[in-house]
Amino acid sequence: MTPELSRRDAVRAAAASVIPAALADLGTLVRIPSVAWPAFDQTQVARSAEAVAALFRDLDFFDRVEVATAAIPGTDEHGQPAVLATRAARNGRPTVLLYAHHDVQPAGDEALWDSPPFEPTVRDGRLYGRGAADDKAGVMAHVAALRAVIEALGRDVDLGVAVFIEGEEEYGSRSFGQFLSDHADALRADAIVVADSGNWDERTPALTVSLRGNARFTLRVRTLDHASHSGMFGGAVPDAMLATVKLLSTLWDDDGAVAVAGMTARDAATPDYSEQTLRSEAGLPDGVSPIGRGPILSRMWNQPSITITGIDATSVAAASNTLAPETSVVISARVAPGQSAQEAYAAMQAHLRAHAPFGAELTFSDVDLGDGFLVDTGGWAVADVRTAFEEGYGVPSVDVGVGGSIPFIADLVRQFPGAQILVTGVEDPHSRAHSPNESLHLDTFRHAVAAEALLLESLDARTV
């Protein structure tokens, strides 16, 4: 047996041995409701950061492990606590930066969960809980892979490793760019592993090579100076809800495709993906048709989409015979890879102003923009991760696009233009990230840990 094979065999065996402890630690993290939004208990985010930092300290591997924050540009505030760990490379070896985030989405309506959202529960080969997949499993994939490498190869490996576990990804990564700037020397790397994406399915690993951008904003529609009686003035006076419904309907055509001039699509081939698979993975009932045109994956990966994600209006319980003077909605758009989020937002703003009915007054606020991402797949790190995927999962990987957005990747590219960025993940199409009954497929996690440990081994054997 060659030395290279014996190293990799040892890493593979160690990756299997660390899984029980990794899942136990993941359960501990899931129990911490680390929601970064201001309406929630922010001490829990700090508690989560300290728990994650302890996991990296316990490795006895890093030169430095700390919890840190960064200023939010343009404000007097600081962002949520992040975990930073560093270990210098030796003997010409590369440095890899491992990214994940420890904050989670709110649980939402707990009545929709089959088990309590912050009580990790195993059912049918899956671990259920908020953050069990997105992205505390990503945190634990990094920890477990490092444990496997240390167990197999010892703590004296030459690979440089930096870790950045963010605390506000679900709340817009408001201090992300400043954090990178503040710690640029510590975080500078030859390759960056972003463990915050998904796989093709439970058995097949995927490397994310394109991401849509995002453009999110609040739109206020105003038609009256004050509320008026709907019987006295209805039929002559446009209320804000009428104007809002008419205005929003212009954003899509009859097929449900985006109808905003200036929002572009990317022309790129996609793998086969059936409507039946879409229905299964998205929970689309038989009586409801898909929307859009073209190959289904192109609609989700390469074309723009627009969703109304929030609305401020009188509740059903409090409804009265009143013409509402104003209504506010949150519009969340996904921007095709290759188009800037700013350009897409400008197109939506122009469209809405041009189509405002009855002279309704429009106000735009709370604008949040993030550009998409296209990976250069020609680098050595991409070849290494594909090999590690195939060995760790037992099947070849596929390159995928993702309809969701990871806006901070644009910050990584700006700060570290020479780094190769590898977007990986532990989720599968049934993980239901951001939704009730979020879950992690346990076998996928085992394979992801093995693949990342094997990637670290290959990087430790490489000189740059």
Protein backbone atom coordinates (compact mmCIF):
# COMPACT_ATOMS: atom_id res chain seq x y z
CA MET A 1 0.00 0.00 0.00
CA THR A 2 1.39 3.40 -0.97
CA PRO A 3 1.83 6.10 1.68
CA GLU A 4 -0.77 8.24 -0.09
CA LEU A 5 -3.36 5.49 0.08
CA SER A 6 -2.57 4.72 3.70
CA ARG A 7 -3.03 8.38 4.65
CA ARG A 8 -6.38 8.58 2.90
CA ASP A 9 -7.55 5.27 4.30
CA ALA A 10 -6.67 6.48 7.78
CA VAL A 11 -8.56 9.72 7.24
CA ARG A 12 -11.58 7.86 5.89
CA ALA A 13 -11.65 5.55 8.91
CA ALA A 14 -11.24 8.48 11.29
CA ALA A 15 -14.06 10.36 9.60
CA ALA A 16 -16.39 7.46 10.33
CA SER A 17 -15.28 7.28 13.97
CA VAL A 18 -15.97 10.95 14.76
CA ILE A 19 -19.60 10.95 13.60
CA PRO A 20 -21.33 9.98 16.90
CA ALA A 21 -19.63 12.77 18.85
CA ALA A 22 -20.23 15.23 16.01
CA LEU A 23 -23.96 14.50 15.98
CA ALA A 24 -24.13 14.87 19.76
CA ASP A 25 -22.41 18.25 19.49
CA LEU A 26 -24.74 19.23 16.68
CA GLY A 27 -27.69 18.47 18.92
CA THR A 28 -26.23 20.75 21.58
CA LEU A 29 -25.94 23.59 19.07
CA VAL A 30 -29.48 23.06 17.75
CA ARG A 31 -30.82 23.54 21.29
CA ILE A 32 -29.53 27.13 21.26
CA PRO A 33 -32.10 29.40 19.51
CA SER A 34 -29.51 31.64 17.90
CA VAL A 35 -31.78 33.91 15.83
CA ALA A 36 -29.88 37.09 14.93
CA TRP A 37 -32.96 39.23 14.24
CA PRO A 38 -33.41 42.08 16.77
CA ALA A 39 -36.85 40.88 17.87
CA PHE A 40 -35.28 37.75 19.38
CA ASP A 41 -33.08 37.16 22.43
CA GLN A 42 -29.63 38.26 21.31
CA THR A 43 -27.93 36.62 24.28
CA GLN A 44 -28.65 33.30 22.59
CA VAL A 45 -26.53 34.32 19.59
CA ALA A 46 -23.65 35.14 21.95
CA ARG A 47 -24.19 31.81 23.72
CA SER A 48 -24.08 30.00 20.38
CA ALA A 49 -20.85 31.74 19.39
CA GLU A 50 -19.18 30.73 22.65
CA ALA A 51 -20.33 27.12 22.19
CA VAL A 52 -18.87 27.03 18.68
CA ALA A 53 -15.62 28.64 19.81
CA ALA A 54 -15.30 25.97 22.51
CA LEU A 55 -15.54 23.24 19.88
CA PHE A 56 -12.61 24.71 17.95
CA ARG A 57 -10.58 25.39 21.09
CA ASP A 58 -11.04 21.78 22.18
CA LEU A 59 -9.27 20.62 19.02
CA ASP A 60 -6.00 21.98 20.46
CA PHE A 61 -5.03 22.67 16.87
CA PHE A 62 -5.26 26.42 16.30
CA ASP A 63 -2.82 29.18 17.20
CA ARG A 64 -5.78 31.46 17.96
CA VAL A 65 -9.50 31.03 18.60
CA GLU A 66 -11.68 33.98 19.55
CA VAL A 67 -15.18 35.40 19.40
CA ALA A 68 -15.23 38.77 17.63
CA THR A 69 -17.58 41.35 16.17
CA ALA A 70 -17.20 44.02 13.52
CA ALA A 71 -18.81 47.41 12.99
CA ILE A 72 -21.81 47.69 10.68
CA PRO A 73 -20.81 50.29 8.08
CA GLY A 74 -22.82 53.48 8.22
CA THR A 75 -24.12 52.85 11.73
CA ASP A 76 -22.97 53.03 15.33
CA GLU A 77 -23.75 49.34 15.81
CA HIS A 78 -21.67 46.18 15.76
CA GLY A 79 -22.72 42.95 14.11
CA GLN A 80 -23.40 39.64 15.78
CA PRO A 81 -20.55 37.62 17.33
CA ALA A 82 -18.55 35.45 14.97
CA VAL A 83 -15.90 32.81 15.66
CA LEU A 84 -12.42 33.31 14.24
CA ALA A 85 -9.70 30.65 14.39
CA THR A 86 -6.32 30.56 12.66
CA ARG A 87 -3.39 28.23 12.20
CA ALA A 88 -0.42 29.24 10.03
CA ALA A 89 0.68 27.08 7.10
CA ARG A 90 4.15 25.55 7.11
CA ASN A 91 6.57 24.15 4.55
CA GLY A 92 4.89 25.71 1.53
CA ARG A 93 1.48 24.22 2.14
CA PRO A 94 -1.69 26.13 1.22
CA THR A 95 -4.12 27.72 3.63
CA VAL A 96 -7.82 26.85 3.54
CA LEU A 97 -10.55 29.06 5.00
CA LEU A 98 -13.56 27.17 6.36
CA TYR A 99 -16.80 29.18 6.48
CA ALA A 100 -20.21 28.39 7.98
CA HIS A 101 -22.73 30.30 10.12
CA HIS A 102 -24.13 29.55 13.55
CA ASP A 103 -27.20 31.80 13.45
CA VAL A 104 -30.54 30.38 12.32
CA GLN A 105 -33.89 31.42 10.92
CA PRO A 106 -36.78 31.99 13.34
CA ALA A 107 -38.83 28.86 13.98
CA GLY A 108 -42.06 30.45 12.73
CA ASP A 109 -45.34 28.83 13.75
CA GLU A 110 -44.29 26.04 16.10
CA ALA A 111 -47.64 24.33 15.54
CA LEU A 112 -46.39 23.42 12.06
CA TRP A 113 -43.45 21.46 13.48
CA ASP A 114 -43.83 17.73 14.17
CA SER A 115 -41.36 18.07 17.04
CA PRO A 116 -40.14 21.17 18.94
CA PRO A 117 -37.90 23.25 16.65
CA PHE A 118 -35.08 23.63 19.16
CA GLU A 119 -35.20 20.06 20.46
CA PRO A 120 -33.13 17.87 18.08
CA THR A 121 -35.16 14.80 17.16
CA VAL A 122 -34.17 11.81 15.00
CA ARG A 123 -36.86 10.26 12.79
CA ASP A 124 -36.41 7.97 9.80
CA GLY A 125 -32.73 8.68 9.31
CA ARG A 126 -33.03 12.45 9.64
CA LEU A 127 -32.24 14.88 12.44
CA TYR A 128 -35.00 17.48 12.83
CA GLY A 129 -34.56 20.93 14.33
CA ARG A 130 -34.01 24.57 13.36
CA GLY A 131 -30.41 24.86 12.21
CA ALA A 132 -29.95 21.07 12.05
CA ALA A 133 -29.13 21.57 8.38
CA ASP A 134 -28.78 25.33 7.80
CA ASP A 135 -26.13 25.83 8.95
CA LYS A 136 -25.09 24.28 12.23
CA ALA A 137 -24.50 21.07 10.30
CA GLY A 138 -22.03 23.07 8.20
CA VAL A 139 -20.28 24.17 11.39
CA MET A 140 -20.08 20.59 12.61
CA ALA A 141 -18.89 19.30 9.23
CA HIS A 142 -15.84 21.56 9.63
CA VAL A 143 -15.28 20.51 13.25
CA ALA A 144 -15.71 16.81 12.50
CA ALA A 145 -13.45 16.91 9.42
CA LEU A 146 -10.71 18.55 11.47
CA ARG A 147 -11.16 15.96 14.22
CA ALA A 148 -10.75 13.21 11.62
CA VAL A 149 -7.59 14.76 10.17
CA ILE A 150 -6.09 15.20 13.64
CA GLU A 151 -6.97 11.62 14.61
CA ALA A 152 -5.52 10.18 11.40
CA LEU A 153 -2.52 12.43 10.77
CA GLY A 154 -1.82 14.09 14.12
CA ARG A 155 -1.79 17.77 15.00
CA ASP A 156 1.50 18.36 13.18
CA VAL A 157 0.07 18.68 9.68
CA ASP A 158 1.49 21.52 7.60
CA LEU A 159 -1.80 22.77 6.15
CA GLY A 160 -2.80 26.28 7.13
CA VAL A 161 -6.38 26.55 8.36
CA ALA A 162 -8.52 29.60 9.07
CA VAL A 163 -12.09 29.42 10.33
CA PHE A 164 -14.83 32.03 10.09
CA ILE A 165 -18.17 31.02 11.62
CA GLU A 166 -20.51 33.94 11.07
CA GLY A 167 -23.31 34.97 13.44
CA GLU A 168 -25.69 36.93 11.21
CA GLU A 169 -25.93 35.27 7.80
CA GLU A 170 -29.69 34.85 8.11
CA TYR A 171 -29.99 38.54 9.00
CA GLY A 172 -28.15 39.88 5.97
CA SER A 173 -24.45 39.57 6.93
CA ARG A 174 -24.49 43.27 7.74
CA SER A 175 -20.96 43.37 9.19
CA PHE A 176 -19.48 40.66 6.96
CA GLY A 177 -17.46 42.93 4.68
CA GLN A 178 -16.06 44.90 7.62
CA PHE A 179 -15.15 41.67 9.43
CA LEU A 180 -13.20 40.51 6.38
CA SER A 181 -11.41 43.85 6.21
CA ASP A 182 -10.63 43.85 9.94
CA HIS A 183 -9.18 40.33 9.80
CA ALA A 184 -7.90 40.19 6.23
CA ASP A 185 -4.45 38.88 7.11
CA ALA A 186 -5.81 36.17 9.40
CA LEU A 187 -8.44 35.01 6.89
CA ARG A 188 -6.39 35.19 3.68
CA ALA A 189 -6.39 31.75 2.04
CA ASP A 190 -5.63 29.86 -1.15
CA ALA A 191 -8.98 28.04 -1.06
CA ILE A 192 -12.24 28.86 0.72
CA VAL A 193 -14.79 26.19 1.62
CA VAL A 194 -18.24 27.69 2.09
CA ALA A 195 -20.35 24.97 3.74
CA ASP A 196 -23.74 26.59 3.24
CA SER A 197 -25.26 25.02 0.15
CA GLY A 198 -26.82 21.69 -0.80
CA ASN A 199 -26.42 18.48 -2.74
CA TRP A 200 -28.14 17.02 -5.78
CA ASP A 201 -29.88 14.45 -3.57
CA GLU A 202 -29.25 12.44 -0.39
CA ARG A 203 -26.66 10.25 -2.11
CA THR A 204 -25.05 12.54 -4.70
CA PRO A 205 -22.67 15.37 -3.74
CA ALA A 206 -22.76 18.67 -5.55
CA LEU A 207 -20.37 21.55 -6.06
CA THR A 208 -22.31 24.79 -6.39
CA VAL A 209 -20.92 26.66 -9.40
CA SER A 210 -23.53 29.42 -9.75
CA LEU A 211 -25.73 31.37 -7.36
CA ARG A 212 -28.46 33.87 -8.07
CA GLY A 213 -28.13 37.31 -6.52
CA ASN A 214 -30.80 38.97 -4.40
CA ALA A 215 -32.57 42.33 -4.29
CA ARG A 216 -34.89 42.80 -1.33
CA PHE A 217 -36.74 45.98 -0.40
CA THR A 218 -39.84 47.36 1.28
CA LEU A 219 -42.40 49.12 -0.89
CA ARG A 220 -45.02 51.44 0.63
CA VAL A 221 -48.07 52.25 -1.48
CA ARG A 222 -50.09 55.30 -0.37
CA THR A 223 -53.35 56.58 -1.87
CA LEU A 224 -55.04 58.54 0.96
CA ASP A 225 -54.15 61.05 3.64
CA HIS A 226 -56.23 59.09 6.15
CA ALA A 227 -58.53 56.09 6.38
CA SER A 228 -62.07 56.60 5.11
CA HIS A 229 -65.41 54.76 5.29
CA SER A 230 -65.56 52.11 2.57
CA GLY A 231 -69.33 52.52 2.16
CA MET A 232 -69.28 56.29 1.96
CA PHE A 233 -66.37 56.58 -0.50
CA GLY A 234 -65.87 53.11 -1.95
CA GLY A 235 -66.23 53.07 -5.72
CA ALA A 236 -64.80 56.55 -6.12
CA VAL A 237 -61.69 56.55 -3.95
CA PRO A 238 -58.84 54.04 -4.54
CA ASP A 239 -57.70 52.40 -1.33
CA ALA A 240 -54.09 51.34 -0.90
CA MET A 241 -54.83 47.63 -1.08
CA LEU A 242 -56.55 47.98 -4.45
CA ALA A 243 -53.58 49.92 -5.81
CA THR A 244 -51.11 47.45 -4.29
CA VAL A 245 -52.83 44.38 -5.75
CA LYS A 246 -53.03 45.93 -9.21
CA LEU A 247 -49.43 47.12 -9.06
CA LEU A 248 -47.94 43.86 -7.84
CA SER A 249 -49.78 41.86 -10.49
CA THR A 250 -47.75 43.64 -13.19
CA LEU A 251 -44.51 42.04 -11.96
CA TRP A 252 -45.37 38.69 -13.61
CA ASP A 253 -46.86 37.60 -16.92
CA ASP A 254 -49.65 35.04 -17.30
CA ASP A 255 -47.16 32.15 -17.00
CA GLY A 256 -45.82 33.48 -13.71
CA ALA A 257 -42.50 34.52 -15.29
CA VAL A 258 -40.95 37.84 -14.32
CA ALA A 259 -42.28 40.64 -16.54
CA VAL A 260 -39.87 43.42 -15.53
CA ALA A 261 -37.94 44.95 -18.41
CA GLY A 262 -34.23 45.04 -17.66
CA MET A 263 -34.10 41.92 -15.48
CA THR A 264 -32.02 39.45 -17.45
CA ALA A 265 -31.62 35.66 -17.64
CA ARG A 266 -28.44 33.62 -18.02
CA ASP A 267 -28.16 31.30 -21.01
CA ALA A 268 -26.67 28.07 -19.67
CA ALA A 269 -27.46 24.38 -19.95
CA THR A 270 -28.97 22.54 -16.99
CA PRO A 271 -29.27 18.84 -16.11
CA ASP A 272 -32.52 16.94 -16.64
CA TYR A 273 -35.02 17.55 -13.85
CA SER A 274 -38.61 16.41 -14.10
CA GLU A 275 -41.80 18.10 -13.01
CA GLN A 276 -42.47 15.06 -10.82
CA THR A 277 -39.17 15.68 -8.98
CA LEU A 278 -40.09 19.34 -8.57
CA ARG A 279 -43.45 18.40 -7.08
CA SER A 280 -41.83 15.99 -4.63
CA GLU A 281 -39.04 18.31 -3.49
CA ALA A 282 -41.07 21.53 -3.32
CA GLY A 283 -44.33 20.06 -2.01
CA LEU A 284 -46.29 21.20 -5.09
CA PRO A 285 -49.76 19.57 -5.12
CA ASP A 286 -51.02 17.85 -8.27
CA GLY A 287 -53.64 20.52 -8.88
CA VAL A 288 -51.16 23.42 -8.84
CA SER A 289 -49.08 24.02 -11.97
CA PRO A 290 -45.44 25.15 -12.03
CA ILE A 291 -44.77 28.70 -13.19
CA GLY A 292 -42.36 30.16 -15.74
CA ARG A 293 -40.98 28.94 -19.03
CA GLY A 294 -38.03 26.86 -20.20
CA PRO A 295 -36.26 23.96 -18.45
CA ILE A 296 -37.29 23.80 -14.80
CA LEU A 297 -33.76 24.10 -13.43
CA SER A 298 -33.12 27.08 -15.69
CA ARG A 299 -36.12 28.79 -14.07
CA MET A 300 -34.61 28.20 -10.63
CA TRP A 301 -30.91 28.67 -11.39
CA ASN A 302 -30.59 31.04 -14.37
CA GLN A 303 -33.75 33.16 -14.53
CA PRO A 304 -34.92 35.90 -12.17
CA SER A 305 -37.81 35.44 -9.77
CA ILE A 306 -39.85 37.82 -7.63
CA THR A 307 -41.68 36.90 -4.42
CA ILE A 308 -43.79 38.95 -2.02
CA THR A 309 -42.48 37.78 1.34
CA GLY A 310 -44.31 40.13 3.71
CA ILE A 311 -47.26 42.50 3.86
CA ASP A 312 -48.49 45.04 6.41
CA ALA A 313 -52.26 45.27 6.18
CA THR A 314 -55.23 45.02 8.50
CA SER A 315 -55.56 41.48 9.83
CA VAL A 316 -58.64 39.36 9.12
CA ALA A 317 -59.54 39.45 12.81
CA ALA A 318 -59.41 43.25 12.89
CA ALA A 319 -61.03 43.89 9.49
CA SER A 320 -63.39 46.86 9.31
CA ASN A 321 -65.27 48.68 6.58
CA THR A 322 -62.40 51.03 5.93
CA LEU A 323 -60.44 52.23 2.93
CA ALA A 324 -56.81 51.77 4.01
CA PRO A 325 -54.59 54.78 3.27
CA GLU A 326 -51.36 52.83 2.81
CA THR A 327 -49.99 49.32 2.52
CA SER A 328 -46.41 48.08 2.78
CA VAL A 329 -44.97 44.93 1.23
CA VAL A 330 -41.57 43.28 1.18
CA ILE A 331 -40.43 42.33 -2.31
CA SER A 332 -37.69 39.72 -2.56
CA ALA A 333 -36.17 39.13 -5.98
CA ARG A 334 -33.59 36.59 -7.09
CA VAL A 335 -31.27 37.94 -9.75
CA ALA A 336 -29.82 35.83 -12.54
CA PRO A 337 -26.08 35.10 -12.27
CA GLY A 338 -24.18 37.67 -14.30
CA GLN A 339 -26.51 40.61 -13.59
CA SER A 340 -25.71 43.00 -10.78
CA ALA A 341 -28.25 43.24 -7.99
CA GLN A 342 -28.15 47.04 -8.24
CA GLU A 343 -29.13 46.88 -11.92
CA ALA A 344 -31.99 44.47 -11.18
CA TYR A 345 -33.25 46.65 -8.32
CA ALA A 346 -33.17 49.73 -10.56
CA ALA A 347 -35.21 47.84 -13.15
CA MET A 348 -37.85 46.85 -10.57
CA GLN A 349 -38.02 50.36 -9.17
CA ALA A 350 -38.51 51.83 -12.63
CA HIS A 351 -41.17 49.22 -13.46
CA LEU A 352 -43.14 49.86 -10.28
CA ARG A 353 -43.06 53.63 -10.72
CA ALA A 354 -44.19 53.29 -14.33
CA HIS A 355 -47.09 51.00 -13.42
CA ALA A 356 -48.34 52.67 -10.24
CA PRO A 357 -52.15 52.80 -10.66
CA PHE A 358 -54.32 55.82 -9.89
CA GLY A 359 -51.23 57.96 -9.22
CA ALA A 360 -50.43 56.02 -6.05
CA GLU A 361 -47.43 57.34 -4.12
CA LEU A 362 -44.58 54.85 -3.85
CA THR A 363 -41.80 54.84 -1.26
CA PHE A 364 -38.82 52.46 -1.35
CA SER A 365 -36.83 51.60 1.78
CA ASP A 366 -34.80 48.90 3.56
CA VAL A 367 -32.96 47.99 0.36
CA ASP A 368 -30.71 44.91 0.66
CA LEU A 369 -28.66 43.90 -2.39
CA GLY A 370 -26.32 40.98 -3.02
CA ASP A 371 -24.68 39.94 -6.27
CA GLY A 372 -24.74 36.44 -7.69
CA PHE A 373 -21.72 34.23 -8.23
CA LEU A 374 -20.14 32.14 -10.97
CA VAL A 375 -17.30 29.75 -10.11
CA ASP A 376 -14.16 29.34 -12.16
CA THR A 377 -14.07 25.53 -12.28
CA GLY A 378 -10.58 25.28 -13.78
CA GLY A 379 -8.56 25.52 -10.55
CA TRP A 380 -6.67 22.81 -8.68
CA ALA A 381 -8.89 23.16 -5.61
CA VAL A 382 -11.97 22.31 -7.69
CA ALA A 383 -10.25 19.16 -8.93
CA ASP A 384 -9.31 18.25 -5.36
CA VAL A 385 -12.83 18.71 -4.03
CA ARG A 386 -14.37 16.67 -6.83
CA THR A 387 -12.01 13.80 -6.01
CA ALA A 388 -12.81 14.11 -2.32
CA PHE A 389 -16.54 14.14 -3.05
CA GLU A 390 -16.35 10.95 -5.09
CA GLU A 391 -14.32 9.16 -2.42
CA GLY A 392 -16.40 10.47 0.47
CA TYR A 393 -19.82 9.78 -1.05
CA GLY A 394 -18.91 6.82 -3.26
CA VAL A 395 -20.40 8.42 -6.39
CA PRO A 396 -19.17 11.19 -8.72
CA SER A 397 -20.24 14.72 -7.87
CA VAL A 398 -22.29 17.01 -10.08
CA ASP A 399 -21.95 20.74 -10.69
CA VAL A 400 -25.12 22.61 -9.79
CA GLY A 401 -26.56 26.08 -9.76
CA VAL A 402 -28.54 27.24 -6.77
CA GLY A 403 -31.57 29.45 -6.92
CA GLY A 404 -30.88 30.89 -3.51
CA SER A 405 -28.33 33.56 -2.78
CA ILE A 406 -25.19 33.77 -0.68
CA PRO A 407 -24.47 37.48 -1.15
CA PHE A 408 -21.37 37.57 1.03
CA ILE A 409 -19.48 35.47 -1.52
CA ALA A 410 -19.12 38.65 -3.56
CA ASP A 411 -17.35 40.14 -0.51
CA LEU A 412 -15.02 37.14 -0.37
CA VAL A 413 -14.17 37.57 -4.04
CA ARG A 414 -13.43 41.28 -3.56
CA GLN A 415 -11.31 40.77 -0.44
CA PHE A 416 -9.46 37.64 -1.64
CA PRO A 417 -9.46 37.74 -5.46
CA GLY A 418 -6.82 35.02 -5.73
CA ALA A 419 -8.65 32.45 -3.62
CA GLN A 420 -10.52 29.52 -5.14
CA ILE A 421 -14.03 29.39 -3.66
CA LEU A 422 -15.66 25.99 -3.14
CA VAL A 423 -19.35 26.18 -2.26
CA THR A 424 -20.36 22.89 -0.64
CA GLY A 425 -22.98 21.82 1.84
CA VAL A 426 -24.73 19.12 3.81
CA GLU A 427 -28.32 19.85 2.82
CA ASP A 428 -30.41 17.79 0.39
CA PRO A 429 -33.62 18.75 -1.47
CA HIS A 430 -35.76 17.55 1.44
CA SER A 431 -33.94 19.48 4.19
CA ARG A 432 -36.58 22.25 4.24
CA ALA A 433 -34.16 24.93 5.31
CA HIS A 434 -36.00 28.05 6.56
CA SER A 435 -39.22 26.03 6.81
CA PRO A 436 -40.97 24.05 9.54
CA ASN A 437 -39.50 20.58 10.06
CA GLU A 438 -36.03 21.51 8.84
CA SER A 439 -33.87 18.39 8.89
CA LEU A 440 -30.49 16.87 8.15
CA HIS A 441 -30.14 13.54 6.36
CA LEU A 442 -27.73 11.67 8.62
CA ASP A 443 -26.02 9.61 5.91
CA THR A 444 -25.46 12.77 3.87
CA PHE A 445 -23.76 14.30 6.90
CA ARG A 446 -21.50 11.24 7.32
CA HIS A 447 -20.46 11.42 3.67
CA ALA A 448 -19.94 15.21 3.83
CA VAL A 449 -17.61 14.87 6.80
CA ALA A 450 -15.60 12.15 5.04
CA ALA A 451 -15.36 14.24 1.86
CA GLU A 452 -14.19 17.36 3.67
CA ALA A 453 -11.63 15.42 5.71
CA LEU A 454 -10.27 13.89 2.49
CA LEU A 455 -10.12 17.34 0.92
CA LEU A 456 -8.08 18.62 3.87
CA GLU A 457 -5.74 15.66 3.52
CA SER A 458 -5.18 16.38 -0.17
CA LEU A 459 -4.54 20.07 0.55
CA ASP A 460 -2.02 19.11 3.25
CA ALA A 461 -0.16 17.07 0.62
CA ARG A 462 -0.05 19.96 -1.87
CA THR A 463 2.50 22.76 -2.15
CA VAL A 464 1.69 26.21 -3.52
